[in-house]
Protein backbone atom coordinates (compact mmCIF):
# COMPACT_ATOMS: atom_id res chain seq x y z
CA MET A 1 81.54 -23.58 42.96
CA THR A 2 81.83 -24.78 46.56
CA ALA A 3 81.30 -28.24 48.05
CA LEU A 4 77.80 -29.01 49.25
CA ALA A 5 77.37 -28.06 52.91
CA GLU A 6 74.67 -30.68 53.45
CA ALA A 7 74.72 -33.73 51.25
CA PRO A 8 74.00 -37.45 51.28
CA GLU A 9 76.75 -40.00 51.79
CA ILE A 10 77.29 -41.66 48.41
CA PHE A 11 79.13 -44.82 47.44
CA LEU A 12 79.70 -44.05 43.75
CA VAL A 13 80.20 -47.04 41.44
CA ARG A 14 81.01 -46.98 37.75
CA HIS A 15 79.80 -49.96 35.71
CA GLY A 16 82.32 -52.71 35.01
CA GLU A 17 84.26 -53.03 31.78
CA THR A 18 82.09 -53.56 28.71
CA THR A 19 82.76 -55.02 25.28
CA TRP A 20 82.76 -51.48 23.87
CA ASN A 21 85.07 -50.15 26.60
CA ARG A 22 87.55 -52.79 25.58
CA ILE A 23 87.70 -51.67 21.95
CA GLY A 24 87.34 -47.94 22.62
CA ARG A 25 83.81 -47.30 21.33
CA HIS A 26 81.91 -44.37 22.85
CA GLN A 27 78.77 -45.87 24.36
CA GLY A 28 76.89 -42.76 25.43
CA GLN A 29 73.29 -43.83 25.90
CA LEU A 30 73.59 -46.93 23.71
CA ASN A 31 73.81 -50.35 25.32
CA SER A 32 76.71 -52.77 25.51
CA VAL A 33 77.34 -55.70 27.84
CA LEU A 34 79.90 -56.46 30.53
CA THR A 35 82.95 -58.52 29.68
CA LEU A 36 84.02 -61.30 32.04
CA GLU A 37 86.48 -58.78 33.49
CA GLY A 38 83.58 -56.37 33.99
CA VAL A 39 81.65 -59.02 35.92
CA ARG A 40 84.73 -59.69 38.04
CA GLN A 41 85.04 -55.97 38.78
CA ALA A 42 81.36 -55.73 39.77
CA GLU A 43 81.76 -58.69 42.12
CA ALA A 44 84.84 -57.12 43.72
CA VAL A 45 83.07 -53.79 44.18
CA GLY A 46 80.07 -55.57 45.69
CA ARG A 47 82.28 -57.38 48.19
CA ARG A 48 83.89 -54.08 49.18
CA LEU A 49 80.48 -52.48 49.65
CA GLY A 50 79.48 -55.43 51.81
CA ARG A 51 82.53 -54.81 53.98
CA GLU A 52 81.96 -51.05 54.21
CA ILE A 53 78.23 -51.18 54.93
CA SER A 54 77.23 -53.40 57.84
CA ASP A 55 73.57 -52.35 58.01
CA TRP A 56 71.73 -51.94 54.70
CA ARG A 57 68.29 -51.21 56.11
CA ASP A 58 68.47 -47.46 55.53
CA VAL A 59 70.68 -47.56 52.42
CA ARG A 60 69.09 -46.54 49.13
CA ILE A 61 70.39 -48.04 45.87
CA PHE A 62 70.10 -45.97 42.70
CA CYS A 63 71.15 -46.99 39.21
CA SER A 64 71.25 -45.76 35.62
CA PRO A 65 68.73 -47.74 33.53
CA LEU A 66 71.32 -48.49 30.84
CA PHE A 67 72.01 -52.21 30.67
CA ARG A 68 75.69 -52.13 31.62
CA CYS A 69 74.75 -50.43 34.89
CA GLN A 70 71.84 -52.80 35.49
CA GLN A 71 74.25 -55.73 35.11
CA THR A 72 76.82 -54.14 37.41
CA ALA A 73 74.28 -53.27 40.09
CA ALA A 74 72.76 -56.76 40.06
CA VAL A 75 76.14 -58.50 40.33
CA ALA A 76 77.40 -56.09 43.01
CA CYS A 77 74.24 -56.47 45.09
CA ASP A 78 74.48 -60.24 44.84
CA ALA A 79 78.10 -60.14 45.99
CA ALA A 80 77.16 -57.85 48.89
CA GLY A 81 74.21 -60.04 49.88
CA VAL A 82 71.62 -57.36 49.10
CA ASP A 83 68.24 -57.92 47.43
CA VAL A 84 68.38 -56.65 43.83
CA GLU A 85 64.70 -55.69 44.07
CA ARG A 86 65.83 -52.68 46.11
CA ILE A 87 67.49 -51.06 43.09
CA VAL A 88 65.79 -47.86 41.88
CA TYR A 89 66.41 -46.82 38.25
CA ASP A 90 66.44 -43.14 37.31
CA GLU A 91 66.92 -41.85 33.75
CA ARG A 92 68.75 -38.78 35.03
CA LEU A 93 71.63 -41.08 36.00
CA GLN A 94 72.30 -42.13 32.40
CA GLU A 95 75.60 -41.41 30.72
CA ARG A 96 76.20 -38.28 28.69
CA HIS A 97 74.50 -38.50 25.30
CA PHE A 98 77.22 -38.58 22.65
CA GLY A 99 75.03 -37.53 19.73
CA GLU A 100 76.25 -38.59 16.29
CA TRP A 101 79.40 -40.01 17.86
CA GLN A 102 77.71 -42.78 19.83
CA GLY A 103 79.07 -46.16 18.81
CA LEU A 104 82.19 -44.69 17.20
CA THR A 105 85.85 -44.84 18.20
CA ASP A 106 88.05 -41.75 18.45
CA ALA A 107 89.69 -42.69 15.15
CA GLU A 108 86.31 -42.94 13.41
CA ILE A 109 85.17 -39.61 14.87
CA THR A 110 88.30 -37.75 13.81
CA ALA A 111 88.00 -39.20 10.30
CA ARG A 112 84.32 -38.31 9.86
CA PHE A 113 84.09 -35.13 11.96
CA PRO A 114 87.58 -33.56 12.01
CA GLU A 115 86.47 -29.95 12.56
CA GLU A 116 83.93 -30.88 15.22
CA TRP A 117 86.47 -33.07 17.04
CA ALA A 118 89.01 -30.23 17.03
CA ALA A 119 86.39 -27.85 18.44
CA ARG A 120 85.61 -30.31 21.24
CA GLN A 121 89.30 -30.65 22.10
CA ARG A 122 89.48 -26.88 22.55
CA ASP A 123 86.65 -26.86 25.12
CA LEU A 124 85.98 -30.30 26.56
CA TRP A 125 83.54 -29.12 29.21
CA ASN A 126 81.23 -26.91 27.16
CA TYR A 127 81.31 -28.40 23.66
CA VAL A 128 77.93 -29.80 22.55
CA ILE A 129 78.29 -32.90 20.40
CA PRO A 130 76.19 -32.65 17.18
CA GLY A 131 73.12 -34.78 16.68
CA GLY A 132 71.45 -34.37 20.05
CA GLY A 133 74.58 -34.74 22.18
CA GLU A 134 75.14 -33.19 25.58
CA ASN A 135 77.98 -31.19 27.02
CA TYR A 136 79.22 -31.64 30.58
CA GLU A 137 77.25 -28.62 31.75
CA THR A 138 73.96 -30.22 30.69
CA LEU A 139 75.03 -33.55 32.16
CA GLU A 140 75.91 -31.93 35.48
CA ARG A 141 72.56 -30.16 35.58
CA ARG A 142 70.52 -33.36 35.38
CA LEU A 143 72.79 -35.18 37.84
CA GLY A 144 72.47 -32.13 40.08
CA ASP A 145 68.67 -32.31 39.88
CA TRP A 146 68.84 -35.90 41.16
CA LEU A 147 71.33 -34.97 43.88
CA ALA A 148 69.17 -32.08 45.11
CA GLU A 149 66.33 -34.51 45.85
CA GLN A 150 68.44 -36.64 48.20
CA GLU A 151 68.34 -35.96 51.93
CA ALA A 152 71.41 -34.82 53.82
CA GLY A 153 73.02 -37.75 55.59
CA GLN A 154 71.15 -40.38 53.56
CA ARG A 155 73.41 -43.34 52.69
CA ILE A 156 73.25 -44.12 48.96
CA VAL A 157 74.88 -46.64 46.64
CA LEU A 158 74.88 -45.12 43.16
CA VAL A 159 75.74 -47.16 40.06
CA THR A 160 76.32 -44.93 37.06
CA HIS A 161 78.87 -44.07 34.36
CA GLY A 162 82.31 -42.52 33.96
CA GLN A 163 81.42 -39.06 32.69
CA ALA A 164 78.22 -38.94 34.73
CA GLY A 165 80.32 -39.71 37.80
CA ARG A 166 82.67 -36.84 37.00
CA ALA A 167 79.76 -34.42 36.65
CA LEU A 168 78.26 -35.58 39.95
CA ARG A 169 81.58 -35.21 41.76
CA ARG A 170 82.04 -31.69 40.39
CA ARG A 171 78.69 -30.71 41.93
CA TYR A 172 79.28 -32.61 45.19
CA LEU A 173 82.89 -31.55 45.76
CA GLY A 174 82.73 -28.04 44.35
CA LEU A 175 85.40 -28.60 41.70
CA ALA A 176 86.37 -26.45 38.74
CA PRO A 177 85.71 -27.98 35.30
CA ASP A 178 89.38 -28.75 34.67
CA GLN A 179 89.61 -30.52 38.03
CA ALA A 180 86.51 -32.59 37.23
CA LEU A 181 87.87 -33.55 33.81
CA ALA A 182 91.04 -34.88 35.46
CA LEU A 183 89.14 -37.19 37.82
CA PRO A 184 89.74 -40.92 37.39
CA GLU A 185 86.88 -43.17 36.26
CA PRO A 186 87.71 -46.51 37.93
CA GLN A 187 85.68 -49.61 37.15
CA ASP A 188 87.23 -51.65 39.95
CA ALA A 189 86.72 -49.32 42.92
CA VAL A 190 84.14 -47.32 44.84
CA ILE A 191 84.36 -43.53 45.23
CA HIS A 192 83.11 -42.73 48.74
CA LEU A 193 81.63 -39.22 48.91
CA ARG A 194 80.96 -37.87 52.37
CA GLY A 195 80.99 -34.41 53.92
CA GLY A 196 82.24 -32.70 50.77
CA GLU A 197 85.24 -35.04 50.46
CA ALA A 198 86.08 -38.15 48.43
CA ARG A 199 88.16 -41.26 49.04
CA THR A 200 88.73 -44.30 46.86
CA LEU A 201 87.83 -47.77 48.15
CA ASP A 202 89.50 -50.48 46.08
CA GLY A 203 87.44 -53.53 45.18
CA ASP A 204 87.94 -56.77 47.10
CA PHE A 205 89.53 -58.99 44.47
């Protein structure tokens, strides 16, 4: 896979810390709420976006409809001085569905599904989680469908999730699966994607 020759400019934001992040529960497509630290992270990211983007008139703002992303996007927009009514929600931007493992910790999964967990560890990119779960390949395909609809050069703020952000960056940057799996998933920074390259913009704390 090669980096996209023509692509939008994306300011990629992961939602702030949630109550389930803090205790290690896999959220998938279930909802949890931001902690006070998560709100602080969203504010800091919003301030950094406000410093990076001087003219918002042609910027499009997309967001996963899951509540933790809605919260993050609203707080970040407020901190950046941008009208929250501009946010567009798209179901394709949701986190990877974690099937029967949604709401469970790693310890609970390994206790209840030891063979399945071992199989996943052997092939993290392709393993399909039982009970309607997705693998990274499926996740990348729906993120890729969204990306293909965006115009080259369009400036976009995208608020989504950790694994969804990895899948999007694989498609955008032309990475191998093992490279994508090693990508960080910061909740206190913006990943700036432009011209087939990425740089990290720390939040303004």
